[in-house]
Protein backbone atom coordinates (compact mmCIF):
# COMPACT_ATOMS: atom_id res chain seq x y z
CA MET A 1 7.00 47.36 -2.73
CA ASN A 2 8.01 44.45 -0.56
CA ASN A 3 9.99 41.62 -0.93
CA GLN A 4 7.59 39.14 0.97
CA THR A 5 6.78 36.42 -1.13
CA ILE A 6 3.47 34.84 -0.88
CA GLY A 7 2.84 33.44 2.77
CA GLU A 8 5.64 34.86 4.49
CA ILE A 9 4.87 36.87 7.80
CA ASP A 10 6.69 40.21 9.02
CA THR A 11 6.22 39.33 12.64
CA PRO A 12 6.35 36.40 14.09
CA LEU A 13 3.05 34.32 15.56
CA GLU A 14 2.58 34.54 19.18
CA LEU A 15 1.07 31.68 20.87
CA PRO A 16 -1.40 31.64 23.32
CA ASP A 17 -0.68 30.85 26.92
CA TRP A 18 -2.70 27.69 27.56
CA LEU A 19 -0.60 26.77 23.80
CA SER A 20 3.12 27.82 24.75
CA ALA A 21 3.19 27.10 28.14
CA GLY A 22 5.57 23.76 27.88
CA ASP A 23 5.39 20.59 28.00
CA PRO A 24 2.99 18.86 30.33
CA PRO A 25 4.28 18.16 33.69
CA PRO A 26 4.85 14.51 33.54
CA LEU A 27 2.24 12.33 35.27
CA PRO A 28 2.72 10.90 38.36
CA PRO A 29 4.40 7.18 38.91
CA THR A 30 1.43 3.98 39.22
CA PRO A 31 3.14 1.96 41.79
CA LEU A 32 2.48 -1.80 40.69
CA SER A 33 0.56 -3.54 43.77
CA ILE A 34 -1.25 -6.06 43.60
CA ALA A 35 -5.09 -4.29 44.51
CA ASN A 36 -4.01 -2.70 40.96
CA ALA A 37 -3.47 -5.86 39.43
CA LYS A 38 -6.45 -7.79 40.48
CA SER A 39 -8.52 -4.57 39.28
CA ASN A 40 -7.17 -5.47 36.27
CA ARG A 41 -7.72 -9.21 35.83
CA GLU A 42 -10.92 -7.87 36.22
CA LEU A 43 -11.13 -5.24 34.35
CA ILE A 44 -10.28 -8.38 31.16
CA TYR A 45 -12.73 -10.52 32.87
CA MET A 46 -15.30 -8.47 32.47
CA LYS A 47 -14.55 -7.55 29.22
CA PHE A 48 -14.44 -11.80 28.64
CA GLU A 49 -17.63 -11.28 30.38
CA ASN A 50 -19.33 -8.80 27.70
CA ALA A 51 -17.99 -11.09 24.64
CA PHE A 52 -18.89 -14.33 25.64
CA GLU A 53 -22.47 -15.00 23.91
CA GLY A 54 -21.13 -13.19 20.57
CA VAL A 55 -17.99 -15.00 20.82
CA LEU A 56 -20.31 -18.81 21.38
CA ASP A 57 -22.41 -17.85 18.48
CA LYS A 58 -19.64 -17.40 16.52
CA ILE A 59 -18.08 -20.35 17.11
CA ALA A 60 -21.57 -22.29 16.85
CA SER A 61 -21.65 -21.23 13.36
CA GLY A 62 -18.91 -22.41 11.76
CA TYR A 63 -15.71 -19.94 13.47
CA SER A 64 -12.86 -21.81 15.30
CA LEU A 65 -12.21 -19.64 19.09
CA LYS A 66 -9.34 -18.18 17.87
CA LYS A 67 -11.27 -16.95 14.96
CA ALA A 68 -13.66 -15.85 16.55
CA LEU A 69 -11.96 -13.72 19.27
CA ASP A 70 -9.12 -12.80 16.66
CA GLU A 71 -12.61 -10.49 14.71
CA ASP A 72 -13.39 -8.89 18.28
CA PHE A 73 -12.32 -5.04 18.34
CA ARG A 74 -10.88 -6.31 21.52
CA GLN A 75 -8.33 -8.46 20.38
CA PHE A 76 -8.75 -11.19 23.35
CA GLU A 77 -5.47 -13.50 23.85
CA ALA A 78 -7.36 -17.29 23.43
CA GLY A 79 -5.28 -19.17 26.44
CA MET A 80 -6.71 -16.11 28.82
CA PHE A 81 -10.06 -16.63 27.48
CA ILE A 82 -9.81 -20.25 28.54
CA GLN A 83 -8.57 -20.68 31.81
CA TRP A 84 -11.59 -17.97 31.81
CA MET A 85 -14.12 -19.91 30.64
CA LYS A 86 -12.41 -22.85 33.20
CA LYS A 87 -13.48 -20.47 35.88
CA THR A 88 -16.53 -19.77 35.74
CA GLY A 89 -19.42 -21.97 35.99
CA ASP A 90 -20.52 -23.24 33.27
CA LYS A 91 -18.97 -21.03 30.54
CA TYR A 92 -16.26 -23.82 29.20
CA SER A 93 -19.68 -26.61 29.09
CA ARG A 94 -21.43 -23.63 27.11
CA TYR A 95 -18.20 -23.61 25.51
CA VAL A 96 -18.19 -27.42 24.99
CA SER A 97 -21.77 -27.28 23.65
CA ALA A 98 -21.29 -25.04 20.81
CA LYS A 99 -18.44 -26.94 19.74
CA GLU A 100 -20.40 -29.84 19.35
CA MET A 101 -23.25 -27.50 17.61
CA ARG A 102 -20.11 -26.08 15.05
CA SER A 103 -19.49 -29.99 14.37
CA GLU A 104 -22.89 -30.41 12.63
CA LEU A 105 -22.38 -27.84 10.46
CA TRP A 106 -18.96 -28.99 9.53
CA VAL A 107 -19.95 -32.57 9.09
CA ALA A 108 -22.34 -31.09 5.95
CA ASP A 109 -19.42 -28.67 4.72
CA LEU A 110 -17.91 -32.59 4.45
CA ILE A 111 -20.40 -33.50 1.77
CA ASP A 112 -19.85 -30.21 0.43
CA ILE A 113 -16.40 -30.96 -0.38
CA ALA A 114 -16.38 -34.37 -1.15
CA ASP A 115 -19.34 -33.40 -4.02
CA ALA A 116 -17.84 -30.72 -5.04
CA ASP A 117 -16.20 -30.73 -9.09
CA ASP A 118 -12.38 -30.82 -8.32
CA SER A 119 -9.54 -30.49 -10.62
CA MET A 120 -6.81 -33.14 -10.15
CA GLU A 121 -4.74 -30.53 -8.39
CA ASP A 122 -7.35 -30.12 -5.79
CA VAL A 123 -7.88 -33.74 -4.42
CA GLN A 124 -5.54 -33.20 -2.24
CA ARG A 125 -5.92 -30.40 -1.18
CA SER A 126 -9.69 -31.38 -0.49
CA ARG A 127 -8.34 -34.59 1.29
CA LEU A 128 -6.20 -32.12 3.67
CA LYS A 129 -9.78 -30.19 4.05
CA ILE A 130 -11.85 -33.28 5.06
CA ASP A 131 -9.62 -34.97 7.16
CA THR A 132 -8.81 -31.93 9.27
CA ARG A 133 -12.81 -31.38 9.66
CA LYS A 134 -13.34 -34.88 10.57
CA TRP A 135 -10.51 -35.24 12.85
CA ILE A 136 -11.20 -31.92 15.20
CA ILE A 137 -15.35 -33.32 14.72
CA ALA A 138 -13.95 -36.37 16.08
CA SER A 139 -13.18 -34.70 18.76
CA ASP A 140 -15.02 -32.13 19.69
CA ASN A 141 -18.36 -34.42 19.79
CA ARG A 142 -17.01 -37.55 20.62
CA LYS A 143 -20.26 -39.16 21.84
CA VAL A 144 -21.86 -39.18 18.16
CA TYR A 145 -19.02 -38.58 15.49
CA GLY A 146 -15.55 -39.87 17.81
CA ASP A 147 -14.02 -43.30 17.22
CA THR A 148 -14.87 -44.96 20.48
CA LYS A 149 -14.47 -48.66 21.69
CA VAL A 150 -16.36 -49.99 23.82
CA ILE A 151 -15.60 -52.94 25.74
CA ASP A 152 -18.38 -54.92 27.87
CA ILE A 153 -17.47 -56.94 30.51
CA GLY A 154 -19.97 -59.98 30.34
CA GLY A 155 -19.96 -63.50 32.43
CA GLN A 156 -18.43 -64.45 35.64
CA ILE A 157 -15.01 -64.14 37.15
CA SER A 158 -14.02 -66.72 39.54
CA ILE A 159 -11.57 -67.58 41.23
CA LEU A 160 -11.45 -71.05 42.48
CA GLY A 161 -9.51 -72.22 38.89
CA ALA A 162 -6.62 -70.20 40.02
CA LEU A 163 -6.79 -71.33 43.41
CA ALA A 164 -6.89 -75.23 42.60
CA ALA A 165 -4.10 -74.51 39.72
CA ALA A 166 -1.65 -72.84 42.84
CA GLN A 167 -2.59 -75.65 44.82
CA SER A 168 -1.12 -78.93 42.58
CA ARG A 169 1.81 -76.60 41.61
CA THR A 170 3.21 -76.46 45.68
CA ILE A 171 5.47 -78.53 46.57
CA GLU A 172 5.65 -80.25 49.75
CA LEU A 173 8.18 -79.47 52.59
CA LEU A 174 10.56 -81.81 54.06
CA ASP A 175 11.68 -81.96 58.08
CA VAL A 176 14.61 -79.49 57.92
CA ILE A 177 17.06 -80.99 60.08
CA ASP A 178 19.60 -78.97 61.68
CA VAL A 179 23.38 -79.47 60.46
CA PRO A 180 25.87 -78.52 62.46
CA MET A 181 29.03 -76.38 61.34
CA ILE A 182 31.73 -77.62 60.67
CA GLU A 183 34.80 -75.36 61.99
CA GLY A 184 36.66 -73.71 58.98
CA ASP A 185 33.18 -72.94 57.00
CA ASP A 186 31.96 -69.75 57.49
């Protein structure tokens, strides 16, 4: 009888050639060039373009830009996304419109938060939620909810009174007589 335990094999396993060929050859180095960087940027911008409508929908439904981008599987960087929106036509104005729509939803949230049955510990948290949303709403939708100060400049401004006052303050100039210098005075 053989002294082998279960799982032992008398002869070593031989791997097929395609598995035992060794390490794969190293990939050739790719030079970083302006053309590659430009094509990478174009690829990123194409991804932004594909995600743009979905991001706008999320913002209009109450998300922040960061949260909308974080939930996208492509994991975009918010700063690059904003720069791209500002560079590409009407995209930034559409983003601003989505934020204005979000502010309308958040106004309804303010009422719900204020009307909630809170315990004494929750009052400060509710106040913080309301104050934060009010600040963002006012900055996102200044026309409707912002603290705007309108200065109405009406009437007429006349400089005639100022000219008359200036003339009354003038001193009549006396004739100046040349006084000879005394030697020794410098």
